[in-house]
Structure formats: structure tokens, C-alpha cells
Protein backbone atom coordinates (compact mmCIF):
# COMPACT_ATOMS: atom_id res chain seq x y z
CA MET A 1 0.12 -0.22 -0.08
CA SER A 2 2.33 2.11 0.59
CA GLU A 3 4.87 1.63 -2.67
CA SER A 4 1.73 2.39 -4.60
CA LEU A 5 0.86 5.98 -2.26
CA ASP A 6 4.55 6.80 -3.08
CA ARG A 7 5.11 6.11 -6.60
CA LYS A 8 1.59 8.36 -6.51
CA ASN A 9 3.47 11.02 -4.58
CA GLN A 10 6.48 10.96 -6.65
CA LEU A 11 3.68 11.07 -9.76
CA ASP A 12 2.71 14.43 -8.33
CA ILE A 13 6.46 15.60 -7.59
CA VAL A 14 7.19 15.40 -11.45
CA GLU A 15 3.97 16.74 -12.51
CA VAL A 16 4.39 19.81 -10.75
CA ARG A 17 8.01 20.34 -11.26
CA GLY A 18 6.03 19.64 -15.41
CA ASP A 19 4.23 22.02 -14.68
CA LEU A 20 6.68 24.93 -12.63
CA LYS A 21 8.58 24.54 -15.73
CA LEU A 22 6.08 25.27 -18.24
CA LEU A 23 5.20 29.00 -16.57
CA SER A 24 8.22 29.57 -15.59
CA GLU A 25 9.05 29.89 -19.90
CA ARG A 26 5.85 31.01 -20.45
CA LEU A 27 6.92 34.25 -18.07
CA ASP A 28 10.06 34.40 -19.81
CA VAL A 29 8.29 34.63 -23.34
CA ILE A 30 5.79 37.65 -21.53
CA LYS A 31 9.23 39.42 -20.43
CA ASN A 32 11.06 39.19 -23.10
CA ASN A 33 8.39 39.51 -26.04
CA ASP A 34 5.74 40.96 -24.77
CA LEU A 35 6.84 43.87 -22.89
CA VAL A 36 9.02 44.53 -25.29
CA HIS A 37 6.15 44.84 -27.98
CA ILE A 38 4.44 46.95 -25.39
CA GLN A 39 7.32 49.56 -24.71
CA LYS A 40 7.81 50.30 -28.41
CA GLY A 41 4.09 51.62 -28.90
CA VAL A 42 4.76 53.51 -25.74
CA ASP A 43 7.60 55.14 -27.23
CA GLY A 44 5.62 55.76 -29.54
CA ILE A 45 2.21 57.22 -28.40
CA ASN A 46 5.18 59.54 -26.30
CA LYS A 47 7.01 60.47 -29.53
CA ILE A 48 3.68 61.82 -30.78
CA LEU A 49 2.48 63.41 -27.77
CA TRP A 50 6.28 65.55 -27.64
CA ALA A 51 5.78 66.78 -31.73
CA VAL A 52 2.00 67.63 -30.79
CA GLY A 53 3.35 70.04 -27.37
CA LEU A 54 6.06 71.60 -29.42
CA LEU A 55 3.51 72.06 -31.84
CA LEU A 56 0.92 73.99 -29.73
CA LEU A 57 3.94 75.63 -27.66
CA GLY A 58 4.68 76.94 -30.96
CA GLN A 59 1.29 78.45 -31.57
CA VAL A 60 1.01 79.56 -28.69
CA ALA A 61 4.36 81.35 -28.96
CA PHE A 62 3.01 82.81 -32.83
CA ALA A 63 -0.23 83.73 -31.16
CA VAL A 64 1.87 85.88 -28.20
CA LYS A 65 3.72 87.11 -30.77
CA THR A 66 1.22 88.36 -32.98
CA ALA A 67 -1.08 90.12 -30.27
CA LEU A 68 2.81 92.38 -29.22
CA TRP A 69 3.76 93.51 -32.24
CA SER A 70 1.02 93.86 -34.50
């Protein structure tokens, strides 16, 4: 009886170890692949926001210049 229980416990341990390895691989994929793509998207949005901000600053500067010297 105890031999079959030991064998079942060993099989359960092997199964848990396999699940842990699979989870570790999936975390690596998320960390190394998915997060890189998300970061590239955020960087693109950041560049667009800076460009829009600079354009708005230019428009405000032009409006101030026109209002003061015209």
C-alpha cells in the first residue's frame, strides 16, 4: 500500500515540476517578447505627444508674438 502511495507522490511531484517549468517558460516569453512590444508602443505614443506639445508651444508663441507686436 505504501509503495503505491510513494509512486503516486513521485508522479505528482514530477507533474508539479513540469507545470513549474512551463510557467517559467511562459513568464520568460511575456517578459522578453510581449513587454518589448508594449514598450515600443508606449515609446511611439510618447514621441507623438512630444511632437504635439511642441507644435502647440509654437502656436502659443506665435499667438503671443502676434498679439504683442501687431
